């Protein structure tokens, strides 16, 4: 363990049943008068905005709705959102939805006060100098953790590249994390987003920095997230109205959202991002497909950590060698992926000619640099092929 470590979470978290109904109260406390709700048409059609709008009206907060955010949001959505925000005289934001809506909202906020193109702020590029209007996040899935992070992923349509954009200035002011918002979530989305959150927790518990003892507080959060999701995702998937299961998966997702930015992620994310950029494969689905293969690749780098993950997933490792115990973690995740009917990679019909480009993009992704096992371009290409050839 390092003698000194840093832990950053700039977001106020309000967690629990009907927490989303406090949005008007929170905006009032922050002194805002007119907000822009950033969401998607699926949220509108599901009726999930009704009580949020009622809360805003009851608090005397005016609002407009921008509901044009698609999965894997492109930069054009950010540009249009900035225009609508400015032309309507809004002073704040409320993001309602999954990671796409929240990522889009956070970047729209930043681009109302910073110059240039949002993709110029991809990691290693330009740095934000001004903080945008406050964002209140209301997640409707238990997956991305975007409600509490200072990060967003936006697709550069021209390059088919997923820009990783982050700044302490971009952290939401308040996260209203309400498990009730997930009760109607379809099983397939429940599974994909839940394993996305599990991927955050597992990768963050085994990153290079985590192995070097960079953040023991993050270790505690990430391992507890593994336990909560591993023990509850099946029930949330199979019996979506089970509030306790939904609550536990959502808590696990938020804990991982606080934990993983402290230490980074790994190859599953590095491989998933190009699949989203080039083939528009939902991020949670891509992570769920790739996670077991990446875990097996990483086992020899930190078998003790993977043994911890196996125990958190409910596996019995008594009497096993470190590597045997570590293998139990992979087997547990493989069963979870199978039980929740995650599709195989081959169903997305990736062109043979594209694998090299996808692996090249993965090798440039920052997450391949924080993976616990040193990873080459060929390693990434092999992982893609392993996943694509799997039954």
Foldseek 3Di string as FASTA:
>chain_A
DDPDADADWQAAEADEAPLLLCVLVVCVVVPFAEEEEFAAVVCVVVVVCVSNVVSNVVSNHHYDYDHHFDFQAAQVLLVVLLVVCVVVVGQAYEYEEAQRSLLSRLLSQQPNPDDDGSLQQFPPGDDRDDAGGAYEYEYLALADLSRTFQWHWHAHLVVLFTGIHGDPSSGHHYYRYHLVSHLPPALLRLLLRLVNLLQLLLFQCFWQCNVVVRDVVLNVLSLQLLLLSLVQSLCCNVRVNPSVSSSSSNSSSNSSSSRRVSQHGALLQLLLRSCCSPLVDRSSLSSLLLVLLLLVVCCVLCLPSLLSSLVSSPHDCPPHDSSVSSVSSSVSSVVSSVSSVRDAPCVSPDDPVCLLVSLVSSVVDVRNVGGSDNDDSVNSSVSVVVRNPDD
